[in-house]
Amino acid sequence: MRAKTVLPAVAMTAVSMVLTLAVVVMWLGTAVPWPVALVVGLGVDGGWLATLAYERRLAAQGDHNRAVTAVGWSFGVLAAGVLVAHALNAEHSAGAWLAVAWLPIAAKALWLVHAMWERTALTPVALDAIRGIQQEARDEAAVARARLRAEAATEETRLTAVTEAGARVARVQAKTAQTLAGAWSTLETTRAGEETGRALTSVTARVTPGVTPRWELPVWGPSEPLAARSLESAPALTDEALDVIVDEIRTSETPALSYREMAARFRAAGHSASEVRLRAAWKRVA
């Protein structure tokens, strides 16, 4: 994986150094002796390469120096400037020379990318752990989505069943009301008839001798609600009062009464309590 970033940077650096040296020798060779031009070209390339090597050494130690980085970029800009100046002053193929003038800057940028890759590189163990965490998160999300879909489908089925059951109940109630209405109409017709009314009156029990009671229709329809009252005739007993009453009934005879006998006498005495509370009181006092 490291070769994917370092090899392009090395190749670009080599091409940039060779190109810079060639341009300096060709450009300055006409004005000064070629050995001097060669020294100048090697100086530019050597400074560029020296600062790059020092930057790589600091990076290997986990360190960074802004001054060294600034010097390195200065050499890169100088090399690019030499190439641009040569391209502008060239009589032939000026466009081609100008097109490759960016190579020193590009090489420097590739080394910057490689340094960023090294700072963010992870070991295979860490990468496996990250992939495992991501896969676990995806699995949990998929399970959660499946659970939500299943719950939604179940709720939809339940609502459909409840709706259909309500519709069936409504139809049954409507049919029953229709049947009762018909039966009531028949009873009313029978009661209002002269012959049938006399026959029904004749079979009705007499309350007062000599007086024939009138046969009344059964009550059907809205009725008055009963007065609100509790299911028990007396207020609910507290646990302490219930324990006292149960203990008194249980020990009213010798030997002590069994639970069934005590419960029967408890009910006969007019007391009221649920079976669960009564048995709990028996366990507390017995």
Protein backbone atom coordinates (compact mmCIF):
# COMPACT_ATOMS: atom_id res chain seq x y z
CA MET A 1 0.00 0.00 0.00
CA ARG A 2 2.85 2.41 0.73
CA ALA A 3 4.26 1.93 -2.78
CA LYS A 4 1.05 3.36 -4.26
CA THR A 5 2.01 6.83 -3.00
CA VAL A 6 5.79 6.73 -2.73
CA LEU A 7 6.55 5.41 -6.24
CA PRO A 8 4.71 8.21 -8.10
CA ALA A 9 6.44 10.78 -5.88
CA VAL A 10 9.89 9.26 -6.56
CA ALA A 11 9.27 9.09 -10.31
CA MET A 12 8.02 12.66 -10.47
CA THR A 13 11.00 13.84 -8.42
CA ALA A 14 13.49 12.11 -10.73
CA VAL A 15 11.85 13.53 -13.86
CA SER A 16 11.71 17.00 -12.30
CA MET A 17 15.39 16.94 -11.26
CA VAL A 18 16.58 15.73 -14.68
CA LEU A 19 14.44 18.29 -16.48
CA THR A 20 15.60 21.13 -14.22
CA LEU A 21 19.27 20.19 -14.66
CA ALA A 22 18.90 19.97 -18.44
CA VAL A 23 17.15 23.32 -18.68
CA VAL A 24 19.70 25.08 -16.49
CA VAL A 25 22.62 23.63 -18.49
CA MET A 26 21.03 24.54 -21.82
CA TRP A 27 19.86 27.98 -20.74
CA LEU A 28 22.95 29.12 -18.84
CA GLY A 29 25.40 27.22 -21.04
CA THR A 30 25.22 29.99 -23.63
CA ALA A 31 26.14 32.69 -21.09
CA VAL A 32 28.58 30.87 -18.81
CA PRO A 33 30.81 27.80 -19.20
CA TRP A 34 28.83 24.59 -19.09
CA PRO A 35 30.56 23.33 -15.88
CA VAL A 36 29.25 26.42 -14.09
CA ALA A 37 25.77 25.83 -15.48
CA LEU A 38 26.02 22.20 -14.37
CA VAL A 39 26.97 23.25 -10.84
CA VAL A 40 24.05 25.69 -10.73
CA GLY A 41 21.63 22.97 -11.88
CA LEU A 42 23.00 20.47 -9.39
CA GLY A 43 22.72 23.12 -6.67
CA VAL A 44 19.05 23.67 -7.37
CA ASP A 45 18.35 19.94 -7.53
CA GLY A 46 20.63 19.22 -4.57
CA GLY A 47 18.92 21.79 -2.36
CA TRP A 48 15.52 20.46 -3.36
CA LEU A 49 16.60 16.87 -2.66
CA ALA A 50 18.35 17.75 0.64
CA THR A 51 15.33 19.50 2.11
CA LEU A 52 13.12 16.63 0.94
CA ALA A 53 15.39 14.08 2.65
CA TYR A 54 15.36 16.10 5.88
CA GLU A 55 11.59 16.40 5.76
CA ARG A 56 11.29 12.63 5.31
CA ARG A 57 13.61 12.06 8.28
CA LEU A 58 11.51 14.33 10.49
CA ALA A 59 8.34 12.63 9.28
CA ALA A 60 9.78 9.21 10.19
CA GLN A 61 10.37 10.52 13.73
CA GLY A 62 6.85 11.90 13.94
CA ASP A 63 8.09 15.49 13.84
CA HIS A 64 7.62 18.49 11.57
CA ASN A 65 9.61 21.67 10.95
CA ARG A 66 7.93 24.57 9.18
CA ALA A 67 11.24 26.22 8.29
CA VAL A 68 12.49 23.12 6.48
CA THR A 69 9.16 22.80 4.70
CA ALA A 70 9.33 26.45 3.62
CA VAL A 71 12.88 25.97 2.28
CA GLY A 72 11.81 22.86 0.37
CA TRP A 73 8.89 24.66 -1.25
CA SER A 74 11.21 27.56 -2.07
CA PHE A 75 13.52 25.23 -4.01
CA GLY A 76 10.47 23.75 -5.76
CA VAL A 77 9.22 27.19 -6.73
CA LEU A 78 12.75 28.14 -7.89
CA ALA A 79 12.98 25.07 -10.12
CA ALA A 80 9.53 25.78 -11.53
CA GLY A 81 10.52 29.41 -12.10
CA VAL A 82 13.63 28.34 -14.02
CA LEU A 83 11.51 26.13 -16.25
CA VAL A 84 8.94 28.89 -16.83
CA ALA A 85 11.65 31.46 -17.62
CA HIS A 86 13.32 29.08 -20.07
CA ALA A 87 9.97 28.39 -21.74
CA LEU A 88 9.23 32.09 -22.13
CA ASN A 89 12.65 32.79 -23.63
CA ALA A 90 12.78 29.73 -25.86
CA GLU A 91 12.55 30.38 -29.56
CA HIS A 92 11.20 26.96 -30.39
CA SER A 93 8.73 24.71 -28.55
CA ALA A 94 7.95 27.33 -25.93
CA GLY A 95 4.55 25.76 -25.29
CA ALA A 96 6.04 22.31 -24.67
CA TRP A 97 8.57 23.67 -22.16
CA LEU A 98 5.86 25.66 -20.42
CA ALA A 99 3.67 22.57 -20.21
CA VAL A 100 6.29 20.70 -18.13
CA ALA A 101 7.22 23.66 -15.93
CA TRP A 102 4.82 22.49 -13.21
CA LEU A 103 6.69 19.19 -12.61
CA PRO A 104 8.78 20.39 -9.58
CA ILE A 105 5.63 21.69 -7.85
CA ALA A 106 3.80 18.47 -8.72
CA ALA A 107 6.62 16.35 -7.27
CA LYS A 108 6.51 18.37 -4.06
CA ALA A 109 2.74 17.93 -3.88
CA LEU A 110 3.07 14.17 -4.34
CA TRP A 111 5.49 14.00 -1.40
CA LEU A 112 2.96 16.00 0.62
CA VAL A 113 0.26 13.47 -0.25
CA HIS A 114 2.56 10.62 0.73
CA ALA A 115 3.29 12.28 4.09
CA MET A 116 -0.44 12.69 4.76
CA TRP A 117 -0.97 9.02 3.89
CA GLU A 118 1.72 7.99 6.37
CA ARG A 119 0.19 10.11 9.13
CA THR A 120 -3.21 8.53 8.61
CA ALA A 121 -2.12 4.96 7.83
CA LEU A 122 -3.50 2.22 10.09
CA THR A 123 -2.30 -1.28 10.83
CA PRO A 124 -4.18 -4.27 9.39
CA VAL A 125 -5.44 -5.13 12.89
CA ALA A 126 -6.97 -1.68 13.27
CA LEU A 127 -8.49 -1.85 9.80
CA ASP A 128 -10.02 -5.25 10.59
CA ALA A 129 -11.43 -3.86 13.83
CA ILE A 130 -12.95 -0.89 11.99
CA ARG A 131 -14.48 -3.16 9.36
CA GLY A 132 -15.90 -5.35 12.12
CA ILE A 133 -17.46 -2.34 13.87
CA GLN A 134 -18.95 -1.08 10.63
CA GLN A 135 -20.34 -4.51 9.80
CA GLU A 136 -21.82 -4.83 13.28
CA ALA A 137 -23.47 -1.41 12.92
CA ARG A 138 -24.90 -2.43 9.53
CA ASP A 139 -26.22 -5.69 11.01
CA GLU A 140 -27.88 -3.88 13.92
CA ALA A 141 -29.44 -1.36 11.56
CA ALA A 142 -30.77 -4.16 9.33
CA VAL A 143 -32.21 -6.03 12.32
CA ALA A 144 -33.83 -2.84 13.61
CA ARG A 145 -35.38 -2.16 10.19
CA ALA A 146 -36.68 -5.73 9.99
CA ARG A 147 -38.14 -5.48 13.50
CA LEU A 148 -39.89 -2.21 12.67
CA ARG A 149 -41.31 -3.68 9.46
CA ALA A 150 -42.55 -6.77 11.33
CA GLU A 151 -44.13 -4.68 14.08
CA ALA A 152 -45.79 -2.46 11.49
CA ALA A 153 -47.16 -5.49 9.64
CA THR A 154 -48.39 -7.02 12.92
CA GLU A 155 -50.09 -3.79 13.94
CA GLU A 156 -51.71 -3.51 10.53
CA THR A 157 -53.00 -7.08 10.80
CA ARG A 158 -54.32 -6.42 14.31
CA LEU A 159 -56.12 -3.26 13.24
CA THR A 160 -57.63 -5.06 10.27
CA ALA A 161 -58.86 -7.89 12.52
CA VAL A 162 -60.30 -5.46 15.06
CA THR A 163 -62.05 -3.50 12.31
CA GLU A 164 -63.54 -6.64 10.79
CA ALA A 165 -64.62 -7.90 14.22
CA GLY A 166 -66.25 -4.54 14.95
CA ALA A 167 -68.07 -4.68 11.63
CA ARG A 168 -69.33 -8.21 12.41
CA VAL A 169 -70.53 -7.10 15.84
CA ALA A 170 -72.31 -4.13 14.30
CA ARG A 171 -74.01 -6.37 11.74
CA VAL A 172 -75.09 -8.82 14.48
CA GLN A 173 -76.42 -5.99 16.61
CA ALA A 174 -78.32 -4.53 13.68
CA LYS A 175 -79.80 -7.93 12.86
CA THR A 176 -80.74 -8.53 16.50
CA ALA A 177 -82.36 -5.11 16.76
CA GLN A 178 -84.30 -5.80 13.60
CA THR A 179 -85.48 -9.15 14.99
CA LEU A 180 -86.46 -7.62 18.32
CA ALA A 181 -88.30 -4.83 16.56
CA GLY A 182 -90.26 -7.39 14.56
CA ALA A 183 -91.06 -9.40 17.70
CA TRP A 184 -92.13 -6.25 19.50
CA SER A 185 -94.36 -5.28 16.62
CA THR A 186 -95.95 -8.74 16.70
CA LEU A 187 -96.54 -8.49 20.45
CA GLU A 188 -98.06 -5.03 20.10
CA THR A 189 -100.34 -6.23 17.32
CA THR A 190 -101.36 -9.24 19.38
CA ARG A 191 -102.03 -7.09 22.47
CA ALA A 192 -104.06 -4.57 20.49
CA GLY A 193 -106.21 -7.24 18.86
CA GLU A 194 -109.67 -7.67 20.40
CA GLU A 195 -109.76 -11.45 20.45
CA THR A 196 -106.08 -12.00 21.25
CA GLY A 197 -106.14 -9.29 23.96
CA ARG A 198 -109.11 -11.01 25.66
CA ALA A 199 -107.32 -14.35 25.46
CA LEU A 200 -104.14 -12.97 26.99
CA THR A 201 -106.16 -11.26 29.75
CA SER A 202 -107.88 -14.50 30.61
CA VAL A 203 -104.61 -16.27 31.36
CA THR A 204 -103.18 -13.44 33.44
CA ALA A 205 -103.20 -14.10 37.20
CA ARG A 206 -105.83 -12.10 39.13
CA VAL A 207 -104.53 -9.74 41.82
CA THR A 208 -107.92 -8.65 43.18
CA PRO A 209 -110.98 -10.93 42.98
CA GLY A 210 -113.42 -9.72 40.39
CA VAL A 211 -110.86 -7.50 38.64
CA THR A 212 -109.17 -8.68 35.51
CA PRO A 213 -105.67 -7.24 35.17
CA ARG A 214 -104.53 -5.92 31.79
CA TRP A 215 -101.68 -7.83 30.15
CA GLU A 216 -98.73 -5.50 29.74
CA LEU A 217 -95.97 -5.69 27.20
CA PRO A 218 -92.48 -6.62 28.42
CA VAL A 219 -90.10 -3.74 28.89
CA TRP A 220 -87.72 -3.32 25.98
CA GLY A 221 -85.71 -0.23 25.21
CA PRO A 222 -83.70 2.37 27.12
CA SER A 223 -83.87 1.99 30.87
CA GLU A 224 -82.94 4.24 33.74
CA PRO A 225 -79.41 3.63 35.05
CA LEU A 226 -79.10 2.26 38.54
CA ALA A 227 -77.73 4.45 41.25
CA ALA A 228 -73.98 4.25 41.43
CA ARG A 229 -72.94 2.01 44.27
CA SER A 230 -70.00 -0.20 44.97
CA LEU A 231 -70.06 -3.93 44.55
CA GLU A 232 -69.57 -4.37 48.29
CA SER A 233 -72.28 -3.23 50.70
CA ALA A 234 -69.75 -1.71 53.05
CA PRO A 235 -66.55 0.26 52.46
CA ALA A 236 -63.46 -1.84 51.72
CA LEU A 237 -61.68 -2.97 54.88
CA THR A 238 -58.08 -2.03 55.43
CA ASP A 239 -55.52 -4.78 55.84
CA GLU A 240 -55.25 -4.13 59.60
CA ALA A 241 -59.04 -4.28 60.14
CA LEU A 242 -59.27 -7.37 57.94
CA ASP A 243 -56.52 -9.07 59.95
CA VAL A 244 -58.37 -8.32 63.24
CA ILE A 245 -61.69 -9.71 61.97
CA VAL A 246 -60.07 -12.83 60.49
CA ASP A 247 -58.16 -13.50 63.72
CA GLU A 248 -61.29 -13.07 65.84
CA ILE A 249 -63.30 -15.48 63.69
CA ARG A 250 -60.45 -18.00 63.49
CA THR A 251 -59.89 -18.10 67.27
CA SER A 252 -63.57 -17.95 68.19
CA GLU A 253 -63.50 -21.72 68.79
CA THR A 254 -60.96 -24.21 70.05
CA PRO A 255 -59.27 -25.64 68.09
CA ALA A 256 -58.94 -22.73 65.67
CA LEU A 257 -61.19 -22.81 62.63
CA SER A 258 -59.90 -23.83 59.23
CA TYR A 259 -59.71 -21.36 56.36
CA ARG A 260 -62.93 -22.61 54.75
CA GLU A 261 -64.89 -22.39 58.01
CA MET A 262 -63.46 -18.96 58.75
CA ALA A 263 -64.31 -17.72 55.21
CA ALA A 264 -67.88 -19.01 55.49
CA ARG A 265 -68.42 -17.28 58.83
CA PHE A 266 -66.73 -14.12 57.49
CA ARG A 267 -69.22 -13.95 54.61
CA ALA A 268 -72.16 -14.88 56.89
CA ALA A 269 -71.27 -12.03 59.23
CA GLY A 270 -71.82 -9.55 56.40
CA HIS A 271 -68.20 -8.69 55.80
CA SER A 272 -66.92 -8.31 52.26
CA ALA A 273 -63.41 -8.81 50.87
CA SER A 274 -61.92 -10.43 47.82
CA GLU A 275 -60.70 -14.00 47.99
CA VAL A 276 -57.10 -12.88 47.41
CA ARG A 277 -57.15 -10.36 50.30
CA LEU A 278 -58.97 -12.79 52.60
CA ARG A 279 -56.44 -15.56 52.00
CA ALA A 280 -53.57 -13.08 52.44
CA ALA A 281 -55.04 -11.97 55.80
CA TRP A 282 -55.39 -15.65 56.85
CA LYS A 283 -51.72 -16.25 56.06
CA ARG A 284 -50.67 -13.20 58.07
CA VAL A 285 -52.59 -14.12 61.24
CA ALA A 286 -52.34 -17.91 61.09
